[in-house]
Amino acid sequence: MENQQRNFGTWQLTSIMISSMIGVGLLTIPRTSTVLLHQMGWIGPISGCLIASVAVAAIVYLGNQFPGLTFVEFMPRIFGTVLGAICVFLFILYQFFNAGITARLFGEVVVTSVLPNTPLEAIIVTLLLLVVFLCCHEIEVVARVNELLIPFLLLPSLLIPLVALMNADWYNLLPFHVESWTDVVKTGMDTYTLYTGYELLMVYFAFSIPGARLGLASMTGMSFALVVYVLSVIAGITVFGYEELQRLVWPTLELVKVTQRAGWFLERFESAFLAIWVASVFTTIGNMFYATIFSLRRWFRKGIRFQQISAVVMMVPLFYFTLIPQNIVELFSYTSHLTVMGYMVTIFVPILLAITHFVRNKIIKGQNGNNEQGRDIEPLP
């Protein structure tokens, strides 16, 4: 295994986490959260965050236990060679599919909202070429790109819902009553996918500098994403009402169109918003696809040349995968199936890894303690 420089600071890790979590899901979250919970839909992102936070805590524990190692190295140490290899393969496959679905969703938004006469294929190819170019560099370039683009993500993500609240009807949030806590759990299992991207830290934590605060970076990233999603849902409910949200394909984009009526912005502000949003989607897909290619590089113990060739080669099946869904309804169906796979890769596996390693450490320490006590006992004369 080759040696890599560990030069990711706490802020760079935070930037990677935020950029990985906030992407296409930002445009659909008001509708997704209100399907079952109605006017109480703002609870959806909170319950989803609680579910994701358990897995994030497990990943932070693993990052502290295995400094300088990615999941490709420490997963076989915990699960064994065969089961570890299967889990590594599932992780790589999930990131590949997730990057493809996100790229297709990005293309659908641009085609339906801004460039209706531009072929979908042209938009997706342009995005993927940029991602492949990113994958042709070493991993510290990823951190710099995320750190550079994070200000363009932070400002509009908070500003849009806050300005949209100027047109809010706060009675749409009433009554404050949860009809079924089962629906809260179901919505949480759906909205947790908004935070997927945190599992990429099992790759990027390996390059944190000694002294980097992994827990602080994770907590800051999760907190920011939670605030953005809750504000977006509240803005959607108060402006449109939960019934109207079910008729909107991209509710947050409609919120952007509403904000220009407040007189704060120029005409066609949604075009400017999407231009900034492109940077967010680029970092999301870039982080996913880079983690996929870099994990293959680590798995086969190759160099940067292997990574560059793999990125170019794998872009071809990734492009064709993005075109498999024939329409937006079928695309959302593929997304729901990918969510089921995500439960195992992003929740079950990290938690099981952390528990297995923790228990094994306790058993080893207990055995070592007993051996030391045995050596301390002096033999009888």
Protein backbone atom coordinates (compact mmCIF):
# COMPACT_ATOMS: atom_id res chain seq x y z
CA MET A 1 0.00 0.00 0.00
CA GLU A 2 1.33 3.36 -1.01
CA ASN A 3 1.89 6.15 1.50
CA GLN A 4 -0.29 9.23 1.18
CA GLN A 5 0.16 12.59 2.78
CA ARG A 6 -2.31 13.35 5.54
CA ASN A 7 -3.13 17.01 5.06
CA PHE A 8 -6.91 17.37 5.55
CA GLY A 9 -7.75 19.83 8.31
CA THR A 10 -10.98 20.03 10.29
CA TRP A 11 -12.47 22.70 8.03
CA GLN A 12 -11.64 20.76 4.86
CA LEU A 13 -13.32 17.65 6.26
CA THR A 14 -16.33 19.78 7.18
CA SER A 15 -16.45 21.20 3.65
CA ILE A 16 -16.34 17.72 2.12
CA MET A 17 -19.13 16.51 4.37
CA ILE A 18 -21.43 19.46 3.68
CA SER A 19 -20.80 19.35 -0.06
CA SER A 20 -21.44 15.61 -0.15
CA MET A 21 -24.76 15.84 1.72
CA ILE A 22 -26.36 18.89 0.11
CA GLY A 23 -27.20 18.33 -3.53
CA VAL A 24 -30.19 17.27 -5.58
CA GLY A 25 -32.21 16.28 -2.51
CA LEU A 26 -32.48 19.94 -1.55
CA LEU A 27 -34.96 20.48 -4.41
CA THR A 28 -37.35 17.69 -3.36
CA ILE A 29 -37.19 17.68 0.44
CA PRO A 30 -40.37 19.77 1.08
CA ARG A 31 -42.47 17.26 -0.90
CA THR A 32 -40.77 14.15 0.51
CA SER A 33 -41.21 15.21 4.14
CA THR A 34 -44.90 16.11 3.84
CA VAL A 35 -46.17 12.94 2.13
CA LEU A 36 -47.05 11.28 5.44
CA LEU A 37 -46.51 13.99 8.05
CA HIS A 38 -48.44 16.77 6.25
CA GLN A 39 -48.11 20.08 8.12
CA MET A 40 -45.68 18.44 10.56
CA GLY A 41 -43.31 17.57 7.73
CA TRP A 42 -40.53 19.65 9.28
CA ILE A 43 -40.03 16.74 11.71
CA GLY A 44 -38.94 14.57 8.77
CA PRO A 45 -35.43 16.02 8.34
CA ILE A 46 -34.94 15.89 12.12
CA SER A 47 -35.81 12.19 12.37
CA GLY A 48 -33.68 11.46 9.30
CA CYS A 49 -30.77 13.30 10.89
CA LEU A 50 -31.08 11.25 14.08
CA ILE A 51 -30.88 8.03 12.07
CA ALA A 52 -27.89 9.24 10.08
CA SER A 53 -26.14 10.57 13.20
CA VAL A 54 -25.85 7.06 14.66
CA ALA A 55 -23.95 5.91 11.57
CA VAL A 56 -21.83 9.10 11.57
CA ALA A 57 -20.82 8.47 15.19
CA ALA A 58 -19.76 4.94 14.21
CA ILE A 59 -17.69 6.30 11.29
CA VAL A 60 -15.99 8.87 13.53
CA TYR A 61 -15.10 6.10 15.98
CA LEU A 62 -13.61 4.02 13.17
CA GLY A 63 -11.70 7.04 11.85
CA ASN A 64 -10.10 7.59 15.25
CA GLN A 65 -9.31 3.89 15.64
CA PHE A 66 -7.70 3.52 12.21
CA PRO A 67 -5.83 6.76 11.45
CA GLY A 68 -4.38 6.86 7.96
CA LEU A 69 -6.49 3.93 6.74
CA THR A 70 -9.54 3.95 4.49
CA PHE A 71 -12.39 1.47 4.80
CA VAL A 72 -10.69 -0.62 2.11
CA GLU A 73 -7.90 -1.38 4.60
CA PHE A 74 -9.72 -1.60 7.92
CA MET A 75 -12.89 -3.39 6.81
CA PRO A 76 -11.09 -6.72 6.09
CA ARG A 77 -9.28 -6.39 9.43
CA ILE A 78 -12.62 -6.30 11.25
CA PHE A 79 -14.84 -8.54 9.13
CA GLY A 80 -12.22 -10.86 7.69
CA THR A 81 -10.96 -11.18 4.15
CA VAL A 82 -14.06 -12.61 2.44
CA LEU A 83 -16.82 -10.66 4.19
CA GLY A 84 -14.67 -7.52 4.17
CA ALA A 85 -14.15 -7.80 0.41
CA ILE A 86 -17.91 -8.19 -0.12
CA CYS A 87 -18.63 -5.06 1.95
CA VAL A 88 -15.95 -3.09 0.09
CA PHE A 89 -17.49 -4.13 -3.22
CA LEU A 90 -20.98 -3.14 -2.05
CA PHE A 91 -19.70 0.27 -0.95
CA ILE A 92 -18.03 0.92 -4.31
CA LEU A 93 -21.09 -0.28 -6.21
CA TYR A 94 -23.42 1.91 -4.14
CA GLN A 95 -21.31 5.03 -4.72
CA PHE A 96 -21.21 4.29 -8.45
CA PHE A 97 -25.01 3.97 -8.67
CA ASN A 98 -25.57 6.95 -6.40
CA ALA A 99 -23.36 9.16 -8.55
CA GLY A 100 -25.29 8.05 -11.65
CA ILE A 101 -28.72 8.72 -10.15
CA THR A 102 -27.59 12.13 -8.87
CA ALA A 103 -26.21 13.05 -12.30
CA ARG A 104 -29.50 12.08 -13.96
CA LEU A 105 -31.53 14.09 -11.44
CA PHE A 106 -29.26 17.05 -12.11
CA GLY A 107 -29.85 16.70 -15.84
CA GLU A 108 -33.62 16.51 -15.39
CA VAL A 109 -33.67 19.70 -13.33
CA VAL A 110 -31.59 21.66 -15.83
CA VAL A 111 -33.57 20.43 -18.86
CA THR A 112 -37.00 21.07 -17.37
CA SER A 113 -36.16 24.42 -15.76
CA VAL A 114 -33.45 26.28 -17.68
CA LEU A 115 -32.39 24.57 -20.92
CA PRO A 116 -35.46 22.83 -22.38
CA ASN A 117 -33.98 22.63 -25.89
CA THR A 118 -30.65 21.13 -24.78
CA PRO A 119 -30.33 17.34 -25.03
CA LEU A 120 -30.21 15.60 -21.68
CA GLU A 121 -27.19 13.61 -22.80
CA ALA A 122 -25.17 16.76 -23.48
CA ILE A 123 -25.79 18.11 -19.97
CA ILE A 124 -24.87 14.82 -18.28
CA VAL A 125 -21.73 14.32 -20.39
CA THR A 126 -20.52 17.83 -19.59
CA LEU A 127 -20.92 17.21 -15.88
CA LEU A 128 -19.26 13.79 -16.00
CA LEU A 129 -16.28 15.12 -17.94
CA LEU A 130 -15.66 17.66 -15.18
CA VAL A 131 -15.93 14.90 -12.58
CA VAL A 132 -13.48 12.69 -14.49
CA PHE A 133 -11.04 15.59 -14.70
CA LEU A 134 -11.23 15.90 -10.91
CA CYS A 135 -10.58 12.18 -10.53
CA CYS A 136 -7.35 12.49 -12.52
CA HIS A 137 -5.71 14.35 -9.62
CA GLU A 138 -4.54 13.36 -6.17
CA ILE A 139 -6.96 13.40 -3.28
CA GLU A 140 -5.84 16.72 -1.78
CA VAL A 141 -7.26 18.44 -4.88
CA VAL A 142 -10.71 17.22 -3.84
CA ALA A 143 -10.36 18.94 -0.48
CA ARG A 144 -9.27 22.20 -2.13
CA VAL A 145 -12.18 22.15 -4.60
CA ASN A 146 -14.70 21.56 -1.82
CA GLU A 147 -13.12 24.27 0.32
CA LEU A 148 -13.19 26.71 -2.60
CA LEU A 149 -16.82 26.11 -3.58
CA ILE A 150 -18.33 25.81 -0.08
CA PRO A 151 -19.12 29.58 0.23
CA PHE A 152 -21.20 29.39 -2.96
CA LEU A 153 -23.17 26.58 -1.35
CA LEU A 154 -23.63 28.02 2.14
CA LEU A 155 -25.13 31.38 1.18
CA PRO A 156 -27.95 30.37 -1.20
CA SER A 157 -28.84 27.28 0.85
CA LEU A 158 -29.71 29.48 3.83
CA LEU A 159 -30.81 32.63 2.00
CA ILE A 160 -33.48 31.09 -0.26
CA PRO A 161 -35.72 29.60 2.47
CA LEU A 162 -35.26 32.63 4.73
CA VAL A 163 -36.30 35.08 1.99
CA ALA A 164 -39.17 32.80 0.92
CA LEU A 165 -40.56 33.04 4.45
CA MET A 166 -41.46 36.67 3.65
CA ASN A 167 -44.44 35.22 1.76
CA ALA A 168 -45.25 32.69 4.47
CA ASP A 169 -48.66 31.87 5.86
CA TRP A 170 -47.76 30.53 9.28
CA TYR A 171 -51.22 29.01 9.78
CA ASN A 172 -50.17 26.30 7.32
CA LEU A 173 -48.02 24.82 10.10
CA LEU A 174 -51.05 24.25 12.34
CA PRO A 175 -52.07 22.12 14.14
CA PHE A 176 -48.94 21.00 15.98
CA HIS A 177 -49.97 17.39 16.25
CA VAL A 178 -48.34 14.14 15.15
CA GLU A 179 -51.01 11.67 14.08
CA SER A 180 -48.74 8.63 13.91
CA TRP A 181 -45.21 8.18 15.20
CA THR A 182 -44.93 5.27 12.79
CA ASP A 183 -45.19 7.82 9.98
CA VAL A 184 -42.41 9.81 11.65
CA VAL A 185 -40.14 6.75 11.54
CA LYS A 186 -41.09 5.98 7.93
CA THR A 187 -40.44 9.58 6.89
CA GLY A 188 -37.14 9.52 8.77
CA MET A 189 -36.07 6.41 6.84
CA ASP A 190 -36.90 8.25 3.61
CA THR A 191 -35.35 11.60 4.50
CA TYR A 192 -32.15 10.09 5.92
CA THR A 193 -31.07 9.73 2.27
CA LEU A 194 -30.72 13.52 2.22
CA TYR A 195 -27.69 13.09 4.47
CA THR A 196 -26.08 10.26 2.53
CA GLY A 197 -22.61 11.29 1.59
CA TYR A 198 -21.40 11.11 5.17
CA GLU A 199 -20.28 7.53 4.48
CA LEU A 200 -17.60 9.00 2.19
CA LEU A 201 -15.79 10.03 5.36
CA MET A 202 -14.66 6.40 5.64
CA VAL A 203 -12.38 7.35 2.74
CA TYR A 204 -11.51 10.98 3.48
CA PHE A 205 -10.93 10.60 7.24
CA ALA A 206 -7.79 8.62 6.39
CA PHE A 207 -6.12 11.82 5.16
CA SER A 208 -6.85 14.02 8.16
CA ILE A 209 -3.83 15.60 9.80
CA PRO A 210 -2.91 14.47 13.34
CA GLY A 211 -5.01 16.56 15.69
CA ALA A 212 -7.88 17.11 13.24
CA ARG A 213 -11.17 16.96 15.13
CA LEU A 214 -13.18 14.36 13.26
CA GLY A 215 -16.14 14.59 15.62
CA LEU A 216 -16.34 18.38 15.31
CA ALA A 217 -16.17 18.22 11.52
CA SER A 218 -18.95 15.63 11.40
CA MET A 219 -21.16 17.43 13.91
CA THR A 220 -20.76 20.77 12.10
CA GLY A 221 -21.58 19.23 8.74
CA MET A 222 -24.65 17.40 10.03
CA SER A 223 -25.89 20.48 11.90
CA PHE A 224 -25.63 22.72 8.84
CA ALA A 225 -27.42 20.19 6.62
CA LEU A 226 -30.15 19.79 9.25
CA VAL A 227 -30.76 23.54 9.48
CA VAL A 228 -30.90 23.91 5.69
CA TYR A 229 -33.35 21.04 5.24
CA VAL A 230 -35.64 22.04 8.12
CA LEU A 231 -35.78 25.65 6.88
CA SER A 232 -36.54 24.46 3.34
CA VAL A 233 -39.41 22.26 4.53
CA ILE A 234 -40.86 25.00 6.76
CA ALA A 235 -40.63 27.50 3.90
CA GLY A 236 -42.33 25.06 1.53
CA ILE A 237 -45.19 24.33 3.93
CA THR A 238 -45.80 27.94 4.91
CA VAL A 239 -45.67 29.27 1.34
CA PHE A 240 -47.52 26.53 -0.56
CA GLY A 241 -49.21 24.30 2.02
CA TYR A 242 -48.57 20.57 2.22
CA GLU A 243 -51.33 19.71 -0.28
CA GLU A 244 -49.83 21.89 -3.01
CA LEU A 245 -46.32 20.53 -2.32
CA GLN A 246 -47.45 17.07 -3.47
CA ARG A 247 -48.14 18.53 -6.94
CA LEU A 248 -44.69 20.10 -7.34
CA VAL A 249 -41.80 18.07 -8.76
CA TRP A 250 -39.10 20.53 -7.58
CA PRO A 251 -40.66 22.46 -4.65
CA THR A 252 -37.51 24.32 -3.60
CA LEU A 253 -37.07 25.63 -7.13
CA GLU A 254 -40.62 26.98 -6.96
CA LEU A 255 -39.65 28.71 -3.72
CA VAL A 256 -36.86 30.43 -5.60
CA LYS A 257 -39.37 31.74 -8.13
CA VAL A 258 -41.53 33.07 -5.29
CA THR A 259 -38.64 34.96 -3.69
CA GLN A 260 -38.18 37.28 -6.68
CA ARG A 261 -41.65 38.68 -6.06
CA ALA A 262 -40.37 40.14 -2.82
CA GLY A 263 -38.39 42.67 -4.85
CA TRP A 264 -34.99 41.61 -3.56
CA PHE A 265 -33.66 40.05 -6.72
CA LEU A 266 -33.52 40.40 -10.47
CA GLU A 267 -35.90 38.70 -12.88
CA ARG A 268 -35.36 34.96 -13.53
CA PHE A 269 -33.57 34.48 -10.25
CA GLU A 270 -34.07 30.72 -10.51
CA SER A 271 -31.52 30.67 -13.34
CA ALA A 272 -28.95 32.34 -11.10
CA PHE A 273 -29.82 29.93 -8.29
CA LEU A 274 -29.35 26.91 -10.54
CA ALA A 275 -26.02 28.29 -11.73
CA ILE A 276 -24.83 28.30 -8.12
CA TRP A 277 -26.53 24.98 -7.43
CA VAL A 278 -24.46 23.39 -10.21
CA ALA A 279 -21.38 23.83 -8.02
CA SER A 280 -23.11 21.95 -5.21
CA VAL A 281 -24.09 19.04 -7.45
CA PHE A 282 -20.61 18.93 -8.97
CA THR A 283 -18.96 18.54 -5.58
CA THR A 284 -21.54 15.93 -4.52
CA ILE A 285 -21.03 13.76 -7.59
CA GLY A 286 -17.30 14.49 -7.64
CA ASN A 287 -16.87 13.32 -4.05
CA MET A 288 -18.88 10.15 -4.72
CA PHE A 289 -17.16 9.20 -7.96
CA TYR A 290 -13.71 10.06 -6.61
CA ALA A 291 -14.34 7.85 -3.59
CA THR A 292 -15.35 5.06 -5.98
CA ILE A 293 -12.25 5.34 -8.15
CA PHE A 294 -9.86 5.96 -5.27
CA SER A 295 -11.24 2.95 -3.39
CA LEU A 296 -10.53 0.78 -6.42
CA ARG A 297 -7.02 2.20 -6.50
CA ARG A 298 -6.48 1.34 -2.84
CA TRP A 299 -8.11 -2.07 -3.23
CA PHE A 300 -5.74 -3.08 -6.03
CA ARG A 301 -2.82 -1.14 -4.48
CA LYS A 302 -2.08 0.83 -7.62
CA GLY A 303 -0.88 4.37 -8.33
CA ILE A 304 -2.36 7.55 -9.77
CA ARG A 305 -2.05 6.21 -13.32
CA PHE A 306 -4.46 3.38 -12.52
CA GLN A 307 -6.85 5.90 -10.99
CA GLN A 308 -6.82 8.09 -14.11
CA ILE A 309 -7.44 5.18 -16.46
CA SER A 310 -10.20 3.79 -14.23
CA ALA A 311 -11.96 7.17 -14.12
CA VAL A 312 -12.06 7.42 -17.91
CA VAL A 313 -13.12 3.80 -18.39
CA MET A 314 -15.85 3.84 -15.74
CA MET A 315 -17.36 7.07 -17.03
CA VAL A 316 -18.75 5.13 -20.01
CA PRO A 317 -20.96 2.68 -18.03
CA LEU A 318 -21.83 5.47 -15.62
CA PHE A 319 -23.13 7.60 -18.50
CA TYR A 320 -25.26 4.78 -19.90
CA PHE A 321 -26.59 3.98 -16.44
CA THR A 322 -27.86 7.55 -16.07
CA LEU A 323 -29.95 7.10 -19.24
CA ILE A 324 -31.69 3.85 -18.21
CA PRO A 325 -34.73 5.53 -16.55
CA GLN A 326 -37.13 6.55 -19.34
CA ASN A 327 -38.90 9.32 -17.44
CA ILE A 328 -38.98 11.18 -14.14
CA VAL A 329 -41.39 8.69 -12.54
CA GLU A 330 -39.12 5.76 -13.36
CA LEU A 331 -36.15 7.78 -12.13
CA PHE A 332 -37.77 8.28 -8.72
CA SER A 333 -38.51 4.54 -8.65
CA TYR A 334 -34.81 3.77 -9.21
CA THR A 335 -33.99 6.22 -6.43
CA SER A 336 -36.25 4.39 -3.98
CA HIS A 337 -34.61 1.06 -4.84
CA LEU A 338 -31.17 2.60 -4.31
CA THR A 339 -32.34 3.82 -0.90
CA VAL A 340 -32.92 0.21 0.18
CA MET A 341 -29.35 -0.64 -0.80
CA GLY A 342 -28.19 2.45 1.05
CA TYR A 343 -29.63 1.17 4.33
CA MET A 344 -27.04 -1.60 4.35
CA VAL A 345 -24.05 0.35 3.04
CA THR A 346 -24.49 3.63 4.92
CA ILE A 347 -26.18 2.54 8.16
CA PHE A 348 -25.92 -1.17 8.89
CA VAL A 349 -22.30 -1.79 7.82
CA PRO A 350 -20.66 1.22 9.62
CA ILE A 351 -22.55 0.53 12.85
CA LEU A 352 -21.75 -3.19 12.72
CA LEU A 353 -18.09 -2.39 12.01
CA ALA A 354 -17.86 -0.08 15.02
CA ILE A 355 -19.64 -2.51 17.35
CA THR A 356 -17.52 -5.47 16.23
CA HIS A 357 -14.27 -3.56 16.65
CA PHE A 358 -15.33 -2.14 20.03
CA VAL A 359 -16.31 -5.55 21.41
CA ARG A 360 -13.13 -7.15 20.06
CA ASN A 361 -11.01 -4.47 21.74
CA LYS A 362 -12.79 -5.02 25.04
CA ILE A 363 -12.22 -8.77 24.85
CA ILE A 364 -8.53 -8.35 23.98
CA LYS A 365 -8.01 -5.81 26.77
CA GLY A 366 -9.77 -8.12 29.21
CA GLN A 367 -7.52 -11.03 28.24
CA ASN A 368 -4.39 -8.90 28.46
CA GLY A 369 -5.48 -7.64 31.88
CA ASN A 370 -5.95 -11.18 33.17
CA ASN A 371 -2.54 -12.21 31.83
CA GLU A 372 -0.85 -9.25 33.51
CA GLN A 373 -2.56 -10.05 36.82
CA GLY A 374 -1.37 -13.63 36.51
CA ARG A 375 2.22 -12.50 36.03
CA ASP A 376 1.99 -10.17 39.04
CA ILE A 377 1.12 -13.04 41.40
CA GLU A 378 4.30 -14.35 43.03
CA PRO A 379 4.66 -18.14 43.32
CA LEU A 380 4.30 -19.62 46.82
CA PRO A 381 7.58 -20.55 48.55
